[in-house]
Amino acid sequence: MRFSLRYLAALCLLLVVAQTALAESKIHQLITAMSSSDLPRYTKLPLFEPHRKEFACVYQDQHLPPVDAQADLWFQQALAMELDPEIYWEDKDWRKIYQLYQQAADGNHWKAMLNLASLILSEYPVPEKNPETAIRWVEKAMQLGVPDAWDTMGIYHRKGIVRGGSATSAYAFFQKAADMGSPSAQAFLGAALDAGWDNPGNGFWANMPIAMKMLECAVAQGSGDAAYELAYRYADPGTPEAKSRALKILQEGVKFGSAKCANRLSVQFNGLDLTNGESLVAYIDKARSERYSKIGDALDWYGGTLKLPNLDKVLPLPPAVLPKWNGDVQTLIDAAKAVTAPVKTPASAPHPDPRAALVKSGLLRPLADWPQPLRCDGGTKCPQTGIWEARVAPDHPLAALYNRWDRQAFVEKGANFPDPQQQHLDISAHDVRWTWLGSPNPVHIADVYTIAL
């Protein structure tokens, strides 16, 4: 085939432009100076020790790099577009979503880096599909000291996405990530170590003391997977107290966004294990089973991103009476979500309110009415039924972990506020300041309430 000089010149120019764009890419610059042995994916780590004797609980949120406000806004906008429940996945603007995540990642937003890597390896039609690019984004997050990035690299080793990766190298990365504070790595290894005997071929070992420490550390960080696994261990004694403890940790797991916890509660209330005496509830409650099933479907769609901290508003554990529900699934989900004040961004504001993206993605529910502030000490009885938001002082050692946008709870008047100690957090109840946000359920008849937004 014969080419004209003009065509060859144009082709050369195109190659130069492409090479220049690649050279200017931040992710390319990150790797250019490294030899293959220097790459974070090939970090030399101690071998996995399934029978270790000690584990010190470390929280990821206390060791994360700061996030730039503009980068976080791009991230929230991308997340809102990706999770928008009104748009079918095939109709989403994946190119725009990818672009926003990339802008945020270029601004050192670690969550955007990991989301980009996930999209690249997914079946979604994003512009980039090269696994090497996904690995490099994860490596950049690793270099920023993000524990979850080390856990993700372990997954890449186990799946063979990293050349030369194996189960041996994967578990070394999981161990490193868990020790750094990754809740996902702690939940995974905790589940792997809570067996009664060793079976390395199937990925489990007998180290219950360390398993419990890892799982409880992950639960303290909001891991639904850890709550699901921990419920089995809590229920092991088979006593009413043990089963009640298992139910409570599963309820916490649903609040964390775990579809597995919701589905397990659904089948328990539907009569599973009734005949063999292993049921956690010992009776059938079809109404509760249905609600957990509907919630489980919603949480599965969101893939763990949706949190339901106010679950007790719509689905409290027995012996509380179930509030009356109109049967609309969206009402059930919305009433259990975290809430916020009405989101109004003035036209003169330099940046949109970041809560707007959380509302658009369906993670936050804005309240129509915002009550007058009512605050109280976490060690006292609740003075008013409704949704409460918890905070510790900014200088508290665990403020970065505890003061989250979803740290809320629906509490009845006269009841105790949730005790951080029961959530495996070394925080005194008296160090927590609770603020009433309103949104109680109105009385329907007698002691029965109606779920209201």
Foldseek 3Di string as FASTA:
>chain_A
DDDDPVVVVVVVVVVVVVVVVLCPQPLSVVPVVDDPCPFPLNDDFDWFDLQDDDADQDAQLLQADDFDPVLVLLLLQLLLQCLQPVDDQLPGPQQSSLVSLSVSVVRVPLVSLQVNLVVLCDPRPYPHNDNVSNLSSLSVRVVRVRLVSLLVSLVCLPVCSDPPRHPRSSSRSLVVSLNSHDLVSLLQSLLQACDPADDVVVRHHDHNVSSVVSLLSSLLLLALSSLQSVLVVLCVVLDLVSLVLSLVSLVSSVQQLALSSLQVVLVLLCPPCLVVSSRSVNYHDNVLSVLSNLSSVVSVSVVRPAGQQALCLQHNDPPDDGADEPPDSVLNRQLRAQEDADQDDDPPDPDGDSVVSCVSSVRYHHDPDFDDKDKDQQADFAQAFAKKAKAADPPPSCRSSQRDSRRMYGHHGRHHDDASVSSVDPDGSRRMMIIGGDLHFDPDPDSHTHRDD
